[in-house]
N, C-alpha and C. Protein backbone atom coordinates (compact mmCIF):
# COMPACT_ATOMS: atom_id res chain seq x y z
N MET A 1 -43.04 28.00 36.13
CA MET A 1 -42.64 29.27 35.53
C MET A 1 -41.31 29.10 34.82
N THR A 2 -41.26 29.51 33.55
CA THR A 2 -40.01 29.42 32.81
C THR A 2 -39.03 30.45 33.34
N TRP A 3 -37.74 30.13 33.23
CA TRP A 3 -36.73 30.99 33.85
C TRP A 3 -36.49 32.26 33.07
N PHE A 4 -36.79 32.26 31.78
CA PHE A 4 -36.61 33.49 31.02
C PHE A 4 -37.66 34.51 31.43
N THR A 5 -37.27 35.76 31.53
CA THR A 5 -38.19 36.81 31.93
C THR A 5 -39.14 37.11 30.79
N LYS A 6 -40.42 36.95 31.04
CA LYS A 6 -41.42 37.21 30.02
C LYS A 6 -41.71 38.71 29.98
N THR A 7 -42.09 39.19 28.79
CA THR A 7 -42.36 40.61 28.64
C THR A 7 -43.45 41.08 29.58
N ALA A 8 -44.51 40.29 29.70
CA ALA A 8 -45.61 40.68 30.58
C ALA A 8 -45.16 40.76 32.02
N LEU A 9 -44.38 39.78 32.46
CA LEU A 9 -43.89 39.77 33.83
C LEU A 9 -43.00 40.97 34.07
N PHE A 10 -42.13 41.24 33.12
CA PHE A 10 -41.20 42.35 33.29
C PHE A 10 -41.97 43.66 33.40
N SER A 11 -43.01 43.83 32.58
CA SER A 11 -43.81 45.04 32.65
C SER A 11 -44.48 45.18 34.00
N LEU A 12 -44.95 44.05 34.55
CA LEU A 12 -45.58 44.09 35.86
C LEU A 12 -44.58 44.49 36.94
N LEU A 13 -43.37 43.96 36.85
CA LEU A 13 -42.36 44.31 37.83
C LEU A 13 -42.08 45.80 37.81
N LEU A 14 -42.11 46.38 36.63
CA LEU A 14 -41.90 47.81 36.52
C LEU A 14 -43.11 48.59 37.01
N ALA A 15 -44.29 48.14 36.59
CA ALA A 15 -45.51 48.87 36.90
C ALA A 15 -45.80 48.93 38.38
N PHE A 16 -45.44 47.88 39.12
CA PHE A 16 -45.77 47.83 40.53
C PHE A 16 -44.59 48.20 41.43
N SER A 17 -43.57 48.86 40.85
CA SER A 17 -42.48 49.36 41.67
C SER A 17 -43.02 50.43 42.62
N SER A 18 -42.39 50.55 43.78
CA SER A 18 -42.83 51.54 44.75
C SER A 18 -42.43 52.93 44.29
N LEU A 19 -42.91 53.95 45.01
CA LEU A 19 -42.57 55.32 44.69
C LEU A 19 -41.06 55.47 44.63
N CYS A 20 -40.58 56.17 43.65
CA CYS A 20 -39.15 56.20 43.44
C CYS A 20 -38.70 57.56 42.93
N PHE A 21 -37.39 57.70 42.74
CA PHE A 21 -36.83 58.95 42.25
C PHE A 21 -37.37 59.24 40.85
N SER A 22 -37.44 60.52 40.51
CA SER A 22 -37.99 60.91 39.22
C SER A 22 -37.23 60.29 38.06
N SER A 23 -35.91 60.14 38.19
CA SER A 23 -35.12 59.55 37.11
C SER A 23 -35.50 58.09 36.89
N TYR A 24 -35.81 57.39 37.98
CA TYR A 24 -36.26 56.00 37.85
C TYR A 24 -37.64 55.97 37.20
N ASP A 25 -38.51 56.87 37.64
CA ASP A 25 -39.84 56.98 37.03
C ASP A 25 -39.73 57.20 35.52
N GLU A 26 -38.84 58.09 35.16
CA GLU A 26 -38.66 58.41 33.74
C GLU A 26 -38.15 57.20 32.97
N ALA A 27 -37.25 56.44 33.60
CA ALA A 27 -36.72 55.24 32.94
C ALA A 27 -37.82 54.22 32.72
N VAL A 28 -38.67 54.04 33.74
CA VAL A 28 -39.80 53.11 33.62
C VAL A 28 -40.74 53.57 32.51
N GLU A 29 -41.02 54.87 32.50
CA GLU A 29 -41.92 55.42 31.48
C GLU A 29 -41.34 55.24 30.09
N ASN A 30 -40.05 55.51 29.95
CA ASN A 30 -39.40 55.34 28.65
C ASN A 30 -39.44 53.88 28.20
N TYR A 31 -39.22 52.96 29.14
CA TYR A 31 -39.26 51.54 28.79
C TYR A 31 -40.65 51.15 28.30
N ASN A 32 -41.65 51.57 29.04
CA ASN A 32 -43.03 51.20 28.68
C ASN A 32 -43.47 51.84 27.36
N LYS A 33 -42.83 52.94 26.99
CA LYS A 33 -43.15 53.61 25.73
C LYS A 33 -42.32 53.05 24.57
N GLY A 34 -41.38 52.17 24.89
CA GLY A 34 -40.55 51.59 23.84
C GLY A 34 -39.25 52.32 23.61
N ASN A 35 -38.95 53.31 24.45
CA ASN A 35 -37.68 54.03 24.34
C ASN A 35 -36.61 53.27 25.12
N TYR A 36 -36.28 52.10 24.63
CA TYR A 36 -35.45 51.17 25.39
C TYR A 36 -34.02 51.66 25.63
N SER A 37 -33.42 52.27 24.62
CA SER A 37 -32.04 52.72 24.76
C SER A 37 -31.90 53.74 25.89
N SER A 38 -32.80 54.69 25.91
CA SER A 38 -32.78 55.72 26.96
C SER A 38 -33.04 55.11 28.33
N ALA A 39 -34.00 54.19 28.38
CA ALA A 39 -34.36 53.55 29.65
C ALA A 39 -33.19 52.75 30.21
N VAL A 40 -32.57 51.95 29.36
CA VAL A 40 -31.45 51.12 29.80
C VAL A 40 -30.29 51.98 30.28
N LYS A 41 -30.03 53.06 29.58
CA LYS A 41 -28.95 53.97 29.98
C LYS A 41 -29.19 54.51 31.38
N THR A 42 -30.45 54.89 31.66
CA THR A 42 -30.78 55.42 32.99
C THR A 42 -30.72 54.33 34.05
N PHE A 43 -31.23 53.14 33.73
CA PHE A 43 -31.17 52.03 34.69
C PHE A 43 -29.72 51.73 35.07
N LYS A 44 -28.83 51.73 34.09
CA LYS A 44 -27.42 51.45 34.36
C LYS A 44 -26.82 52.52 35.27
N LYS A 45 -27.15 53.78 34.98
CA LYS A 45 -26.63 54.89 35.78
C LYS A 45 -27.11 54.77 37.23
N LEU A 46 -28.39 54.50 37.40
CA LEU A 46 -28.96 54.37 38.74
C LEU A 46 -28.41 53.14 39.47
N ALA A 47 -28.26 52.05 38.72
CA ALA A 47 -27.74 50.81 39.32
C ALA A 47 -26.33 51.02 39.86
N LYS A 48 -25.51 51.71 39.09
CA LYS A 48 -24.13 51.98 39.53
C LYS A 48 -24.10 52.90 40.74
N ALA A 49 -25.16 53.72 40.87
CA ALA A 49 -25.24 54.64 42.01
C ALA A 49 -25.82 53.97 43.25
N GLY A 50 -26.24 52.69 43.10
CA GLY A 50 -26.72 51.94 44.26
C GLY A 50 -28.21 51.83 44.41
N ASP A 51 -28.98 52.14 43.37
CA ASP A 51 -30.44 52.01 43.44
C ASP A 51 -30.82 50.53 43.27
N ALA A 52 -31.38 49.94 44.32
CA ALA A 52 -31.68 48.50 44.31
C ALA A 52 -32.68 48.13 43.23
N ARG A 53 -33.67 48.99 43.01
CA ARG A 53 -34.68 48.68 41.98
C ARG A 53 -34.06 48.64 40.60
N ALA A 54 -33.22 49.62 40.32
CA ALA A 54 -32.54 49.66 39.03
C ALA A 54 -31.59 48.48 38.87
N GLN A 55 -30.93 48.09 39.95
CA GLN A 55 -30.04 46.93 39.91
C GLN A 55 -30.82 45.66 39.58
N ARG A 56 -31.99 45.52 40.21
CA ARG A 56 -32.82 44.35 39.94
C ARG A 56 -33.31 44.35 38.49
N VAL A 57 -33.79 45.50 38.03
CA VAL A 57 -34.27 45.61 36.65
C VAL A 57 -33.14 45.30 35.67
N LEU A 58 -31.96 45.82 35.94
CA LEU A 58 -30.82 45.57 35.06
C LEU A 58 -30.48 44.08 35.04
N GLY A 59 -30.54 43.44 36.20
CA GLY A 59 -30.32 42.01 36.26
C GLY A 59 -31.31 41.24 35.40
N LEU A 60 -32.57 41.66 35.47
CA LEU A 60 -33.60 40.99 34.67
C LEU A 60 -33.40 41.23 33.18
N LEU A 61 -32.94 42.42 32.84
CA LEU A 61 -32.66 42.71 31.44
C LEU A 61 -31.56 41.80 30.89
N TYR A 62 -30.56 41.54 31.71
CA TYR A 62 -29.47 40.65 31.27
C TYR A 62 -29.94 39.19 31.18
N ILE A 63 -30.93 38.83 31.97
CA ILE A 63 -31.53 37.50 31.83
C ILE A 63 -32.33 37.43 30.53
N ASP A 64 -33.12 38.47 30.31
CA ASP A 64 -34.01 38.50 29.15
C ASP A 64 -33.23 38.53 27.84
N GLY A 65 -32.19 39.37 27.80
CA GLY A 65 -31.33 39.41 26.62
C GLY A 65 -31.91 40.08 25.40
N LYS A 66 -32.96 40.88 25.57
CA LYS A 66 -33.58 41.54 24.42
C LYS A 66 -33.10 42.98 24.26
N ARG A 67 -32.94 43.69 25.36
CA ARG A 67 -32.55 45.10 25.30
C ARG A 67 -31.06 45.30 25.60
N VAL A 68 -30.45 44.31 26.19
CA VAL A 68 -29.00 44.27 26.41
C VAL A 68 -28.53 42.87 26.06
N ASP A 69 -27.22 42.66 26.01
CA ASP A 69 -26.71 41.32 25.70
C ASP A 69 -27.15 40.32 26.77
N HIS A 70 -27.42 39.11 26.31
CA HIS A 70 -27.77 38.01 27.22
C HIS A 70 -26.52 37.65 28.01
N ASP A 71 -26.50 37.95 29.32
CA ASP A 71 -25.26 37.80 30.08
C ASP A 71 -25.58 37.34 31.50
N GLY A 72 -25.32 36.06 31.76
CA GLY A 72 -25.62 35.49 33.06
C GLY A 72 -24.79 36.07 34.19
N GLU A 73 -23.51 36.35 33.91
CA GLU A 73 -22.64 36.89 34.95
C GLU A 73 -23.09 38.28 35.38
N GLN A 74 -23.47 39.10 34.39
CA GLN A 74 -23.97 40.44 34.72
C GLN A 74 -25.31 40.36 35.45
N ALA A 75 -26.14 39.43 35.04
CA ALA A 75 -27.43 39.24 35.72
C ALA A 75 -27.19 38.90 37.19
N PHE A 76 -26.27 37.97 37.42
CA PHE A 76 -25.96 37.55 38.79
C PHE A 76 -25.40 38.72 39.60
N LYS A 77 -24.50 39.47 39.01
CA LYS A 77 -23.88 40.60 39.71
C LYS A 77 -24.93 41.61 40.17
N TRP A 78 -25.79 42.04 39.26
CA TRP A 78 -26.74 43.10 39.59
C TRP A 78 -27.84 42.60 40.52
N LEU A 79 -28.26 41.37 40.35
CA LEU A 79 -29.26 40.82 41.26
C LEU A 79 -28.68 40.64 42.66
N THR A 80 -27.41 40.26 42.73
CA THR A 80 -26.75 40.14 44.03
C THR A 80 -26.66 41.50 44.72
N ASP A 81 -26.29 42.52 43.95
CA ASP A 81 -26.21 43.87 44.51
C ASP A 81 -27.58 44.33 45.03
N ALA A 82 -28.62 44.04 44.26
CA ALA A 82 -29.97 44.41 44.69
C ALA A 82 -30.39 43.64 45.93
N SER A 83 -30.03 42.36 45.97
CA SER A 83 -30.35 41.53 47.13
C SER A 83 -29.67 42.06 48.38
N ASP A 84 -28.43 42.52 48.24
CA ASP A 84 -27.69 43.09 49.37
C ASP A 84 -28.38 44.32 49.93
N ARG A 85 -29.25 44.92 49.11
CA ARG A 85 -30.02 46.08 49.54
C ARG A 85 -31.48 45.70 49.84
N ASP A 86 -31.65 44.41 50.17
CA ASP A 86 -32.94 43.89 50.65
C ASP A 86 -34.05 43.88 49.61
N ASP A 87 -33.71 43.71 48.33
CA ASP A 87 -34.72 43.60 47.30
C ASP A 87 -35.20 42.15 47.21
N VAL A 88 -36.44 41.92 47.57
CA VAL A 88 -36.98 40.56 47.65
C VAL A 88 -37.07 39.90 46.27
N LEU A 89 -37.49 40.65 45.27
CA LEU A 89 -37.59 40.09 43.92
C LEU A 89 -36.22 39.64 43.42
N ALA A 90 -35.19 40.39 43.75
CA ALA A 90 -33.84 40.01 43.34
C ALA A 90 -33.46 38.67 43.96
N ARG A 91 -33.84 38.47 45.21
CA ARG A 91 -33.53 37.21 45.88
C ARG A 91 -34.26 36.04 45.22
N TYR A 92 -35.50 36.28 44.82
CA TYR A 92 -36.23 35.22 44.11
C TYR A 92 -35.51 34.85 42.82
N PHE A 93 -35.11 35.85 42.04
CA PHE A 93 -34.48 35.57 40.75
C PHE A 93 -33.07 35.00 40.91
N LEU A 94 -32.39 35.29 42.00
CA LEU A 94 -31.11 34.62 42.26
C LEU A 94 -31.33 33.12 42.43
N GLY A 95 -32.44 32.77 43.07
CA GLY A 95 -32.80 31.36 43.18
C GLY A 95 -33.03 30.74 41.81
N VAL A 96 -33.67 31.52 40.93
CA VAL A 96 -33.91 31.04 39.56
C VAL A 96 -32.58 30.80 38.84
N LEU A 97 -31.65 31.74 38.99
CA LEU A 97 -30.34 31.58 38.33
C LEU A 97 -29.64 30.31 38.79
N TYR A 98 -29.65 30.06 40.10
CA TYR A 98 -29.00 28.86 40.63
C TYR A 98 -29.74 27.58 40.21
N SER A 99 -31.04 27.65 40.11
CA SER A 99 -31.80 26.45 39.73
C SER A 99 -31.57 26.08 38.26
N GLN A 100 -31.26 27.09 37.44
CA GLN A 100 -31.07 26.86 36.01
C GLN A 100 -29.60 26.83 35.59
N GLY A 101 -28.70 27.28 36.49
CA GLY A 101 -27.29 27.33 36.13
C GLY A 101 -26.98 28.41 35.12
N PHE A 102 -27.66 29.54 35.22
CA PHE A 102 -27.43 30.66 34.30
C PHE A 102 -26.58 31.72 35.01
N GLY A 103 -25.34 31.87 34.57
CA GLY A 103 -24.44 32.85 35.17
C GLY A 103 -23.72 32.33 36.40
N VAL A 104 -24.16 31.20 36.90
CA VAL A 104 -23.55 30.56 38.06
C VAL A 104 -23.62 29.05 37.86
N ARG A 105 -22.88 28.32 38.67
CA ARG A 105 -22.96 26.87 38.60
C ARG A 105 -24.31 26.41 39.14
N LYS A 106 -24.93 25.47 38.47
CA LYS A 106 -26.24 24.99 38.87
C LYS A 106 -26.17 24.30 40.23
N LYS A 107 -26.90 24.85 41.20
CA LYS A 107 -26.90 24.29 42.55
C LYS A 107 -28.30 24.42 43.14
N HIS A 108 -28.97 23.29 43.27
CA HIS A 108 -30.34 23.33 43.79
C HIS A 108 -30.38 23.81 45.24
N LYS A 109 -29.37 23.44 46.02
CA LYS A 109 -29.36 23.86 47.43
C LYS A 109 -29.25 25.37 47.55
N GLU A 110 -28.43 25.97 46.70
CA GLU A 110 -28.30 27.43 46.70
C GLU A 110 -29.61 28.07 46.27
N ALA A 111 -30.26 27.48 45.28
CA ALA A 111 -31.55 28.01 44.82
C ALA A 111 -32.55 28.00 45.97
N ILE A 112 -32.59 26.89 46.69
CA ILE A 112 -33.52 26.77 47.81
C ILE A 112 -33.23 27.82 48.88
N GLU A 113 -31.96 28.07 49.16
CA GLU A 113 -31.60 29.07 50.17
C GLU A 113 -32.10 30.45 49.78
N TRP A 114 -31.95 30.81 48.51
CA TRP A 114 -32.43 32.11 48.06
C TRP A 114 -33.95 32.18 48.09
N TRP A 115 -34.60 31.10 47.69
CA TRP A 115 -36.07 31.11 47.72
C TRP A 115 -36.60 31.15 49.15
N GLU A 116 -35.91 30.48 50.06
CA GLU A 116 -36.31 30.55 51.46
C GLU A 116 -36.15 31.97 51.99
N TYR A 117 -35.08 32.61 51.55
CA TYR A 117 -34.83 33.99 51.93
C TYR A 117 -35.98 34.88 51.46
N ALA A 118 -36.38 34.71 50.20
CA ALA A 118 -37.49 35.50 49.65
C ALA A 118 -38.82 35.13 50.29
N ALA A 119 -38.99 33.84 50.58
CA ALA A 119 -40.24 33.37 51.18
C ALA A 119 -40.45 33.92 52.58
N GLU A 120 -39.35 34.24 53.25
CA GLU A 120 -39.46 34.85 54.57
C GLU A 120 -40.21 36.17 54.50
N ASP A 121 -40.12 36.83 53.35
CA ASP A 121 -40.85 38.07 53.10
C ASP A 121 -42.15 37.80 52.35
N ASN A 122 -42.59 36.55 52.41
CA ASN A 122 -43.89 36.15 51.85
C ASN A 122 -43.96 36.28 50.33
N HIS A 123 -42.84 36.07 49.64
CA HIS A 123 -42.85 36.15 48.18
C HIS A 123 -43.55 34.90 47.63
N PRO A 124 -44.66 35.04 46.91
CA PRO A 124 -45.46 33.89 46.49
C PRO A 124 -44.78 32.95 45.50
N LEU A 125 -44.02 33.49 44.55
CA LEU A 125 -43.37 32.62 43.58
C LEU A 125 -42.25 31.81 44.23
N ALA A 126 -41.57 32.40 45.21
CA ALA A 126 -40.56 31.66 45.95
C ALA A 126 -41.20 30.52 46.73
N GLN A 127 -42.34 30.79 47.32
CA GLN A 127 -43.07 29.76 48.06
C GLN A 127 -43.49 28.62 47.13
N ALA A 128 -43.96 28.98 45.95
CA ALA A 128 -44.37 27.96 44.98
C ALA A 128 -43.19 27.09 44.55
N GLN A 129 -42.03 27.72 44.33
CA GLN A 129 -40.85 26.97 43.93
C GLN A 129 -40.37 26.06 45.05
N LEU A 130 -40.45 26.52 46.29
CA LEU A 130 -40.07 25.68 47.42
C LEU A 130 -40.98 24.46 47.52
N GLY A 131 -42.24 24.65 47.21
CA GLY A 131 -43.16 23.52 47.18
C GLY A 131 -42.73 22.49 46.16
N LEU A 132 -42.35 22.97 44.99
CA LEU A 132 -41.94 22.06 43.91
C LEU A 132 -40.65 21.32 44.26
N MET A 133 -39.69 22.04 44.83
CA MET A 133 -38.41 21.42 45.19
C MET A 133 -38.59 20.36 46.27
N ASN A 134 -39.44 20.65 47.26
CA ASN A 134 -39.71 19.66 48.31
C ASN A 134 -40.46 18.46 47.76
N PHE A 135 -41.36 18.68 46.82
CA PHE A 135 -42.13 17.59 46.24
C PHE A 135 -41.24 16.69 45.39
N GLN A 136 -40.33 17.30 44.64
CA GLN A 136 -39.46 16.54 43.74
C GLN A 136 -38.19 16.03 44.43
N GLY A 137 -37.89 16.57 45.60
CA GLY A 137 -36.67 16.18 46.29
C GLY A 137 -35.41 16.71 45.64
N LYS A 138 -35.47 17.92 45.10
CA LYS A 138 -34.31 18.54 44.48
C LYS A 138 -33.65 19.50 45.46
N GLY A 139 -32.40 19.20 45.82
CA GLY A 139 -31.66 20.05 46.73
C GLY A 139 -32.08 19.90 48.18
N VAL A 140 -33.04 19.03 48.41
CA VAL A 140 -33.57 18.81 49.74
C VAL A 140 -34.21 17.42 49.77
N ARG A 141 -34.28 16.82 50.94
CA ARG A 141 -34.94 15.51 51.03
C ARG A 141 -36.42 15.66 50.68
N ARG A 142 -36.93 14.74 49.87
CA ARG A 142 -38.33 14.80 49.46
C ARG A 142 -39.25 14.85 50.68
N ASN A 143 -40.14 15.84 50.66
CA ASN A 143 -41.05 16.01 51.79
C ASN A 143 -42.39 16.52 51.26
N TYR A 144 -43.35 15.62 51.09
CA TYR A 144 -44.65 15.99 50.54
C TYR A 144 -45.42 16.94 51.46
N THR A 145 -45.24 16.77 52.76
CA THR A 145 -45.95 17.64 53.71
C THR A 145 -45.49 19.09 53.57
N LYS A 146 -44.17 19.28 53.53
CA LYS A 146 -43.64 20.64 53.36
C LYS A 146 -44.04 21.22 52.01
N ALA A 147 -44.04 20.36 50.99
CA ALA A 147 -44.44 20.82 49.66
C ALA A 147 -45.85 21.38 49.71
N ALA A 148 -46.76 20.65 50.33
CA ALA A 148 -48.15 21.09 50.43
C ALA A 148 -48.26 22.39 51.22
N GLN A 149 -47.47 22.51 52.27
CA GLN A 149 -47.50 23.72 53.10
C GLN A 149 -47.05 24.94 52.30
N TRP A 150 -45.98 24.78 51.54
CA TRP A 150 -45.51 25.91 50.73
C TRP A 150 -46.51 26.25 49.63
N TRP A 151 -47.06 25.23 48.99
CA TRP A 151 -48.04 25.49 47.95
C TRP A 151 -49.29 26.18 48.49
N HIS A 152 -49.65 25.83 49.71
CA HIS A 152 -50.82 26.47 50.31
C HIS A 152 -50.57 27.96 50.49
N LYS A 153 -49.40 28.32 50.96
CA LYS A 153 -49.05 29.74 51.14
C LYS A 153 -49.11 30.48 49.80
N ALA A 154 -48.53 29.85 48.78
CA ALA A 154 -48.50 30.49 47.46
C ALA A 154 -49.88 30.53 46.82
N ALA A 155 -50.64 29.46 47.00
CA ALA A 155 -51.98 29.37 46.42
C ALA A 155 -52.89 30.45 46.98
N GLU A 156 -52.75 30.72 48.26
CA GLU A 156 -53.58 31.76 48.89
C GLU A 156 -53.27 33.14 48.33
N GLN A 157 -52.08 33.28 47.75
CA GLN A 157 -51.70 34.55 47.14
C GLN A 157 -51.96 34.56 45.63
N GLY A 158 -52.62 33.52 45.14
CA GLY A 158 -53.07 33.52 43.76
C GLY A 158 -52.13 32.92 42.74
N VAL A 159 -51.07 32.24 43.16
CA VAL A 159 -50.15 31.61 42.20
C VAL A 159 -50.84 30.40 41.59
N VAL A 160 -51.09 30.46 40.30
CA VAL A 160 -51.93 29.45 39.65
C VAL A 160 -51.30 28.06 39.71
N SER A 161 -49.99 27.94 39.52
CA SER A 161 -49.36 26.62 39.56
C SER A 161 -49.49 26.01 40.95
N ALA A 162 -49.37 26.84 41.98
CA ALA A 162 -49.51 26.35 43.36
C ALA A 162 -50.93 25.90 43.63
N GLN A 163 -51.90 26.62 43.09
CA GLN A 163 -53.30 26.22 43.25
C GLN A 163 -53.56 24.87 42.60
N ARG A 164 -52.99 24.68 41.40
CA ARG A 164 -53.15 23.40 40.70
C ARG A 164 -52.49 22.26 41.48
N PHE A 165 -51.23 22.46 41.88
CA PHE A 165 -50.51 21.42 42.61
C PHE A 165 -51.19 21.10 43.94
N LEU A 166 -51.68 22.13 44.62
CA LEU A 166 -52.36 21.90 45.89
C LEU A 166 -53.63 21.10 45.67
N GLY A 167 -54.36 21.42 44.62
CA GLY A 167 -55.54 20.64 44.29
C GLY A 167 -55.22 19.18 44.03
N LEU A 168 -54.11 18.96 43.33
CA LEU A 168 -53.72 17.58 43.00
C LEU A 168 -53.27 16.79 44.23
N VAL A 169 -52.57 17.46 45.17
CA VAL A 169 -52.14 16.70 46.35
C VAL A 169 -53.33 16.40 47.26
N TYR A 170 -54.31 17.28 47.28
CA TYR A 170 -55.54 16.97 48.02
C TYR A 170 -56.30 15.83 47.34
N LEU A 171 -56.18 15.76 46.03
CA LEU A 171 -56.85 14.71 45.28
C LEU A 171 -56.20 13.35 45.52
N THR A 172 -54.88 13.34 45.66
CA THR A 172 -54.13 12.09 45.80
C THR A 172 -53.75 11.76 47.24
N GLY A 173 -53.81 12.77 48.11
CA GLY A 173 -53.46 12.54 49.51
C GLY A 173 -51.97 12.51 49.78
N LYS A 174 -51.18 13.18 48.94
CA LYS A 174 -49.73 13.24 49.16
C LYS A 174 -49.38 14.48 49.97
N GLY A 175 -48.97 14.27 51.21
CA GLY A 175 -48.57 15.38 52.07
C GLY A 175 -49.71 16.00 52.85
N VAL A 176 -50.93 15.63 52.49
CA VAL A 176 -52.13 16.10 53.18
C VAL A 176 -53.13 14.94 53.24
N LYS A 177 -54.12 15.08 54.09
CA LYS A 177 -55.19 14.10 54.10
C LYS A 177 -56.04 14.29 52.85
N ARG A 178 -56.36 13.19 52.18
CA ARG A 178 -57.13 13.31 50.94
C ARG A 178 -58.46 14.00 51.22
N ASP A 179 -58.76 14.99 50.39
CA ASP A 179 -59.96 15.80 50.60
C ASP A 179 -60.46 16.27 49.25
N ASP A 180 -61.50 15.61 48.75
CA ASP A 180 -62.01 15.92 47.42
C ASP A 180 -62.56 17.34 47.31
N LYS A 181 -63.18 17.81 48.39
CA LYS A 181 -63.74 19.17 48.35
C LYS A 181 -62.63 20.22 48.27
N ALA A 182 -61.57 20.00 49.04
CA ALA A 182 -60.43 20.92 48.98
C ALA A 182 -59.76 20.83 47.61
N ALA A 183 -59.66 19.62 47.07
CA ALA A 183 -59.07 19.44 45.75
C ALA A 183 -59.87 20.21 44.70
N ARG A 184 -61.19 20.06 44.78
CA ARG A 184 -62.06 20.75 43.82
C ARG A 184 -61.91 22.26 43.96
N HIS A 185 -61.85 22.74 45.19
CA HIS A 185 -61.73 24.18 45.43
C HIS A 185 -60.48 24.76 44.77
N TRP A 186 -59.33 24.12 45.01
CA TRP A 186 -58.09 24.68 44.50
C TRP A 186 -57.93 24.47 43.00
N LEU A 187 -58.41 23.35 42.50
CA LEU A 187 -58.38 23.16 41.05
C LEU A 187 -59.28 24.17 40.35
N LEU A 188 -60.39 24.48 40.99
CA LEU A 188 -61.31 25.47 40.42
C LEU A 188 -60.66 26.86 40.39
N GLN A 189 -59.94 27.20 41.46
CA GLN A 189 -59.26 28.50 41.48
C GLN A 189 -58.25 28.60 40.34
N ALA A 190 -57.50 27.53 40.13
CA ALA A 190 -56.51 27.52 39.04
C ALA A 190 -57.20 27.52 37.68
N ALA A 191 -58.29 26.76 37.58
CA ALA A 191 -59.03 26.68 36.32
C ALA A 191 -59.59 28.03 35.92
N LYS A 192 -60.03 28.80 36.89
CA LYS A 192 -60.58 30.14 36.62
C LYS A 192 -59.51 31.07 36.06
N GLN A 193 -58.25 30.76 36.36
CA GLN A 193 -57.15 31.57 35.83
C GLN A 193 -56.64 31.03 34.50
N GLY A 194 -57.35 30.03 33.97
CA GLY A 194 -57.01 29.52 32.65
C GLY A 194 -56.02 28.37 32.62
N ASP A 195 -55.75 27.76 33.78
CA ASP A 195 -54.80 26.65 33.82
C ASP A 195 -55.43 25.40 33.20
N VAL A 196 -54.86 24.95 32.09
CA VAL A 196 -55.44 23.84 31.33
C VAL A 196 -55.43 22.53 32.12
N MET A 197 -54.32 22.24 32.80
CA MET A 197 -54.24 21.00 33.56
C MET A 197 -55.24 20.98 34.71
N ALA A 198 -55.44 22.12 35.34
CA ALA A 198 -56.43 22.21 36.41
C ALA A 198 -57.83 21.98 35.84
N GLN A 199 -58.10 22.57 34.69
CA GLN A 199 -59.40 22.39 34.04
C GLN A 199 -59.63 20.93 33.69
N TYR A 200 -58.59 20.27 33.19
CA TYR A 200 -58.69 18.86 32.82
C TYR A 200 -58.99 17.99 34.04
N ASN A 201 -58.22 18.18 35.11
CA ASN A 201 -58.41 17.37 36.31
C ASN A 201 -59.73 17.68 37.00
N LEU A 202 -60.15 18.92 36.93
CA LEU A 202 -61.45 19.29 37.49
C LEU A 202 -62.57 18.60 36.71
N GLY A 203 -62.39 18.54 35.40
CA GLY A 203 -63.37 17.84 34.56
C GLY A 203 -63.46 16.36 34.91
N LEU A 204 -62.30 15.74 35.15
CA LEU A 204 -62.28 14.33 35.55
C LEU A 204 -62.99 14.12 36.88
N MET A 205 -62.74 15.03 37.81
CA MET A 205 -63.40 14.93 39.12
C MET A 205 -64.92 14.98 38.97
N LEU A 206 -65.37 15.92 38.18
CA LEU A 206 -66.81 16.07 37.98
C LEU A 206 -67.40 14.85 37.26
N ALA A 207 -66.63 14.32 36.30
CA ALA A 207 -67.11 13.16 35.55
C ALA A 207 -67.27 11.93 36.44
N TYR A 208 -66.38 11.82 37.44
CA TYR A 208 -66.43 10.67 38.35
C TYR A 208 -67.16 10.98 39.65
N GLY A 209 -67.78 12.14 39.71
CA GLY A 209 -68.59 12.48 40.88
C GLY A 209 -67.80 12.72 42.14
N ARG A 210 -66.59 13.24 42.00
CA ARG A 210 -65.77 13.51 43.18
C ARG A 210 -65.74 15.01 43.49
N GLY A 211 -65.88 15.36 44.74
CA GLY A 211 -65.76 16.74 45.16
C GLY A 211 -67.06 17.50 45.23
N GLY A 212 -68.15 16.86 44.87
CA GLY A 212 -69.46 17.50 45.01
C GLY A 212 -69.79 18.47 43.89
C-alpha cells in the first residue's frame, strides 16, 4: 500500500465512520459532495474541540495534500491526538508516517510499535504491514514464521497483498510448511480481487500442475 492517501481509501474511511454528531455528518456529506472548503473548516473546528474522528480525518488530509497544504508535522500532530483518544486508524497511519519519514524522522521500530498497537485491535492493514516488516527484517529481526502469522490474520480479513504474500510463502515454504493447496487457495483469493502478481503465480502453478 502506498503511503499517500488515495481518494478511494479516504472516501471509505469517511463512509464507514461510526454514528457521529450532526456537524461531523454534515462535514462528511459536504466532502463527498465536493464542498471541500466547508468540510475542511468543520473538520478543523471539530478536531480542535477534541473529536477523534475529525482529528484523524484532518491528519489524513494533511498527508494527502489536496484539500489542505501537504504538511507532515500537522499530519503527525492530528493523528497523534486522535490516537490518544483510541482511534485505531490513526495509530495505523502513525505507523505509516514513521515508516516513510513523513513529518517525523524515519524509524522502522517506531512504525512497528504503532502497527502492533493497531493490530491489537485487529486492524488488517497493520497486520499486513507487520508481516512485511518481519519478512524483510526492517526494524525487527527477520522472522518468516511471524510474517506468515501476521499475513494469515490480515488475509482472513480480505487484505489482498496479505493473501498474495501468504500464498507465496506456502508455495516456497518460508515460515510455514510448504503446502501447494494452501498456496493455491490464497493466491486465488488475491487473484479474484484483481491482484496481477497473484494471477501470474496462480497461472504458473496451474501450468506446472501444482495445487490441484
